[in-house]
Each structure stands twice: as C-alpha cells, then as structure tokens.
Amino acid sequence: QVQVAESGGGLVQAGGSLRLSCAASGRTFSTTGLGWFRQAPGKEREFVVSIRWRHGSTHYADSVKGRFIISRDNAKDMVYLQMNSLKAEDSAVYYCAATSVADDTVFSNEYDYWGQGTQVTVSS
C-alpha cells in the first residue's frame, strides 16, 4: 500500500504562483511514477503532469507546459508542483497519484493510489 497526500492549495490571483506538495508513504519502493491530475466541478479529471520516480523524466499536458514544473525529492518521498502564471481555467481540485505499473503515464486508470485532493482557486 502507498498513501499520498496533497497540500498547498489555496486562492491566488491570475498570473500568480502556487506550489503544491505531495507526500508519499507506505510501500513507496514500489512506486515507479507520480502524477498530478485535476478536476473542476462538472468536468472530468484531466492529466496535468507526471514524473518518473527513478529517472526524473517528465511529461506535461500542453495546457500547462511552460507554466508548471514538477519535481521530486526521492529521499523525502515528496513530489512538488510549482504552478506559475496561473489562469482562471487552472482552478480545480488537484490530485497527486502514484503508479506501480507505469512510470510517467498520462492515463488515470494506470495510477493505483490517489490523494484526497487540494483545492486551487485562481481569481480573475
């Protein structure tokens, strides 16, 4: 079992920045990839960015490329999402997820463990 927990959400003005954190615990040695997804009210969950746990290679959704940066600290079992130049359409509940069957997959159903989500609200 792997547990993940997000934090760092909040209210920010458009153009501002916010940093989300994800703490992983449990059998983290089995984790091969971590990802961030988001879901706005009435919309489906969408992929944001993922990172290979061991190698650190990343994959970004086009909508956030150049604005968001994912990083991880393997020693601390932490992953971070630095969000810059935030837009109103970035408002959503952001979820951290871990996969043990893939690495930097964009498919939500390939992630085994999910956090409870943290709310990000970007005001215009």
C-alpha atoms as a PDB file:
ATOM      1  CA  GLN A   1       0.000   0.000   0.000  1.00  0.00           C
ATOM      2  CA  VAL A   2       1.064   3.525  -0.804  1.00  0.00           C
ATOM      3  CA  GLN A   3      -0.545   6.590   0.683  1.00  0.00           C
ATOM      4  CA  VAL A   4      -0.326  10.004  -0.910  1.00  0.00           C
ATOM      5  CA  ALA A   5      -1.459  13.320   0.491  1.00  0.00           C
ATOM      6  CA  GLU A   6      -1.547  16.704  -1.216  1.00  0.00           C
ATOM      7  CA  SER A   7      -1.216  20.107   0.342  1.00  0.00           C
ATOM      8  CA  GLY A   8      -0.556  23.685  -0.644  1.00  0.00           C
ATOM      9  CA  GLY A   9      -3.762  24.612  -2.398  1.00  0.00           C
ATOM     10  CA  GLY A  10      -5.400  27.950  -1.924  1.00  0.00           C
ATOM     11  CA  LEU A  11      -6.652  31.114  -3.535  1.00  0.00           C
ATOM     12  CA  VAL A  12      -4.401  33.047  -5.871  1.00  0.00           C
ATOM     13  CA  GLN A  13      -4.892  35.808  -8.410  1.00  0.00           C
ATOM     14  CA  ALA A  14      -4.456  35.173 -12.097  1.00  0.00           C
ATOM     15  CA  GLY A  15      -0.816  35.479 -13.037  1.00  0.00           C
ATOM     16  CA  GLY A  16       0.300  34.391  -9.610  1.00  0.00           C
ATOM     17  CA  SER A  17       2.064  31.277  -8.422  1.00  0.00           C
ATOM     18  CA  LEU A  18       1.340  28.425  -6.090  1.00  0.00           C
ATOM     19  CA  ARG A  19       3.324  25.386  -5.015  1.00  0.00           C
ATOM     20  CA  LEU A  20       1.636  22.098  -4.263  1.00  0.00           C
ATOM     21  CA  SER A  21       3.248  19.305  -2.307  1.00  0.00           C
ATOM     22  CA  CYS A  22       2.560  15.594  -2.299  1.00  0.00           C
ATOM     23  CA  ALA A  23       3.835  13.335   0.441  1.00  0.00           C
ATOM     24  CA  ALA A  24       4.034   9.615  -0.208  1.00  0.00           C
ATOM     25  CA  SER A  25       4.237   6.976   2.471  1.00  0.00           C
ATOM     26  CA  GLY A  26       3.945   3.240   2.891  1.00  0.00           C
ATOM     27  CA  ARG A  27       5.439   0.925   0.271  1.00  0.00           C
ATOM     28  CA  THR A  28       6.915   3.753  -1.749  1.00  0.00           C
ATOM     29  CA  PHE A  29       9.668   1.495  -3.061  1.00  0.00           C
ATOM     30  CA  SER A  30       7.122   0.014  -5.440  1.00  0.00           C
ATOM     31  CA  THR A  31       6.291   3.388  -6.964  1.00  0.00           C
ATOM     32  CA  THR A  32       7.566   3.921 -10.479  1.00  0.00           C
ATOM     33  CA  GLY A  33       5.787   7.130 -11.327  1.00  0.00           C
ATOM     34  CA  LEU A  34       3.929  10.040  -9.794  1.00  0.00           C
ATOM     35  CA  GLY A  35       1.457  12.317 -11.420  1.00  0.00           C
ATOM     36  CA  TRP A  36      -0.768  15.295 -10.889  1.00  0.00           C
ATOM     37  CA  PHE A  37      -4.335  15.391 -12.119  1.00  0.00           C
ATOM     38  CA  ARG A  38      -7.027  17.987 -11.671  1.00  0.00           C
ATOM     39  CA  GLN A  39     -10.779  18.082 -11.747  1.00  0.00           C
ATOM     40  CA  ALA A  40     -13.013  21.113 -11.966  1.00  0.00           C
ATOM     41  CA  PRO A  41     -16.701  20.979 -10.992  1.00  0.00           C
ATOM     42  CA  GLY A  42     -18.757  19.283 -13.668  1.00  0.00           C
ATOM     43  CA  LYS A  43     -15.694  18.234 -15.640  1.00  0.00           C
ATOM     44  CA  GLU A  44     -13.758  15.025 -15.964  1.00  0.00           C
ATOM     45  CA  ARG A  45     -10.466  14.514 -14.261  1.00  0.00           C
ATOM     46  CA  GLU A  46      -7.623  15.553 -16.523  1.00  0.00           C
ATOM     47  CA  PHE A  47      -3.938  14.862 -16.652  1.00  0.00           C
ATOM     48  CA  VAL A  48      -1.607  17.680 -15.669  1.00  0.00           C
ATOM     49  CA  VAL A  49       1.923  16.322 -15.401  1.00  0.00           C
ATOM     50  CA  SER A  50       3.786  13.161 -14.457  1.00  0.00           C
ATOM     51  CA  ILE A  51       7.304  12.237 -13.467  1.00  0.00           C
ATOM     52  CA  ARG A  52       9.303   9.041 -13.421  1.00  0.00           C
ATOM     53  CA  TRP A  53      10.246   8.395  -9.847  1.00  0.00           C
ATOM     54  CA  ARG A  54      13.659   6.920 -10.550  1.00  0.00           C
ATOM     55  CA  HIS A  55      14.834   8.868 -13.575  1.00  0.00           C
ATOM     56  CA  GLY A  56      13.011  12.137 -13.102  1.00  0.00           C
ATOM     57  CA  SER A  57      11.871  12.464 -16.687  1.00  0.00           C
ATOM     58  CA  THR A  58       8.642  14.389 -17.050  1.00  0.00           C
ATOM     59  CA  HIS A  59       5.607  14.704 -19.247  1.00  0.00           C
ATOM     60  CA  TYR A  60       3.402  17.790 -19.252  1.00  0.00           C
ATOM     61  CA  ALA A  61      -0.044  18.408 -20.591  1.00  0.00           C
ATOM     62  CA  ASP A  62       0.001  21.039 -23.318  1.00  0.00           C
ATOM     63  CA  SER A  63      -2.247  23.264 -21.245  1.00  0.00           C
ATOM     64  CA  VAL A  64       0.369  23.697 -18.518  1.00  0.00           C
ATOM     65  CA  LYS A  65       3.613  23.298 -20.428  1.00  0.00           C
ATOM     66  CA  GLY A  66       5.923  26.213 -19.780  1.00  0.00           C
ATOM     67  CA  ARG A  67       3.973  27.303 -16.719  1.00  0.00           C
ATOM     68  CA  PHE A  68       4.020  24.333 -14.353  1.00  0.00           C
ATOM     69  CA  ILE A  69       7.078  22.495 -13.110  1.00  0.00           C
ATOM     70  CA  ILE A  70       7.067  19.113 -11.412  1.00  0.00           C
ATOM     71  CA  SER A  71       9.918  17.958  -9.231  1.00  0.00           C
ATOM     72  CA  ARG A  72      10.552  15.268  -6.693  1.00  0.00           C
ATOM     73  CA  ASP A  73      12.741  14.544  -3.719  1.00  0.00           C
ATOM     74  CA  ASN A  74      13.249  10.798  -3.624  1.00  0.00           C
ATOM     75  CA  ALA A  75      14.921  10.885  -0.227  1.00  0.00           C
ATOM     76  CA  LYS A  76      11.869  12.549   1.284  1.00  0.00           C
ATOM     77  CA  ASP A  77       9.290  10.721  -0.848  1.00  0.00           C
ATOM     78  CA  MET A  78       7.937  14.069  -1.914  1.00  0.00           C
ATOM     79  CA  VAL A  79       6.770  15.453  -5.211  1.00  0.00           C
ATOM     80  CA  TYR A  80       6.067  19.101  -5.895  1.00  0.00           C
ATOM     81  CA  LEU A  81       4.094  21.026  -8.443  1.00  0.00           C
ATOM     82  CA  GLN A  82       5.207  24.600  -8.958  1.00  0.00           C
ATOM     83  CA  MET A  83       2.433  26.443 -10.742  1.00  0.00           C
ATOM     84  CA  ASN A  84       3.272  29.763 -12.345  1.00  0.00           C
ATOM     85  CA  SER A  85       1.334  32.216 -14.481  1.00  0.00           C
ATOM     86  CA  LEU A  86      -1.893  30.760 -13.173  1.00  0.00           C
ATOM     87  CA  LYS A  87      -5.084  31.223 -15.135  1.00  0.00           C
ATOM     88  CA  ALA A  88      -8.696  31.062 -14.080  1.00  0.00           C
ATOM     89  CA  GLU A  89      -9.062  27.837 -16.023  1.00  0.00           C
ATOM     90  CA  ASP A  90      -6.456  26.246 -13.767  1.00  0.00           C
ATOM     91  CA  SER A  91      -8.982  26.318 -10.928  1.00  0.00           C
ATOM     92  CA  ALA A  92      -9.680  22.760  -9.854  1.00  0.00           C
ATOM     93  CA  VAL A  93      -9.107  20.179  -7.196  1.00  0.00           C
ATOM     94  CA  TYR A  94      -5.603  18.887  -7.747  1.00  0.00           C
ATOM     95  CA  TYR A  95      -4.808  15.266  -7.039  1.00  0.00           C
ATOM     96  CA  CYS A  96      -1.484  13.577  -6.580  1.00  0.00           C
ATOM     97  CA  ALA A  97      -1.321   9.973  -7.703  1.00  0.00           C
ATOM     98  CA  ALA A  98       1.210   7.161  -7.664  1.00  0.00           C
ATOM     99  CA  THR A  99       1.574   4.262 -10.043  1.00  0.00           C
ATOM    100  CA  SER A 100       3.373   0.976  -9.604  1.00  0.00           C
ATOM    101  CA  VAL A 101       2.587  -0.372 -13.077  1.00  0.00           C
ATOM    102  CA  ALA A 102       3.821   2.500 -15.215  1.00  0.00           C
ATOM    103  CA  ASP A 103       6.195   5.432 -14.934  1.00  0.00           C
ATOM    104  CA  ASP A 104       5.100   8.764 -16.405  1.00  0.00           C
ATOM    105  CA  THR A 105       1.777   7.597 -17.765  1.00  0.00           C
ATOM    106  CA  VAL A 106      -0.932  10.105 -18.649  1.00  0.00           C
ATOM    107  CA  PHE A 107      -3.738   7.614 -18.050  1.00  0.00           C
ATOM    108  CA  SER A 108      -5.522   7.988 -14.745  1.00  0.00           C
ATOM    109  CA  ASN A 109      -6.552   4.343 -14.637  1.00  0.00           C
ATOM    110  CA  GLU A 110      -2.906   3.328 -14.529  1.00  0.00           C
ATOM    111  CA  TYR A 111      -2.421   5.064 -11.207  1.00  0.00           C
ATOM    112  CA  ASP A 112      -3.002   2.908  -8.165  1.00  0.00           C
ATOM    113  CA  TYR A 113      -3.031   5.377  -5.302  1.00  0.00           C
ATOM    114  CA  TRP A 114      -4.624   8.780  -5.009  1.00  0.00           C
ATOM    115  CA  GLY A 115      -4.595  11.597  -2.539  1.00  0.00           C
ATOM    116  CA  GLN A 116      -7.681  13.351  -1.263  1.00  0.00           C
ATOM    117  CA  GLY A 117      -7.089  16.417  -3.396  1.00  0.00           C
ATOM    118  CA  THR A 118      -6.296  20.035  -2.656  1.00  0.00           C
ATOM    119  CA  GLN A 119      -8.339  22.951  -3.946  1.00  0.00           C
ATOM    120  CA  VAL A 120      -6.727  25.550  -6.170  1.00  0.00           C
ATOM    121  CA  THR A 121      -8.782  28.611  -6.995  1.00  0.00           C
ATOM    122  CA  VAL A 122      -7.491  31.244  -9.384  1.00  0.00           C
ATOM    123  CA  SER A 123      -9.366  34.525  -9.411  1.00  0.00           C
ATOM    124  CA  SER A 124      -9.521  36.815 -12.427  1.00  0.00           C
END
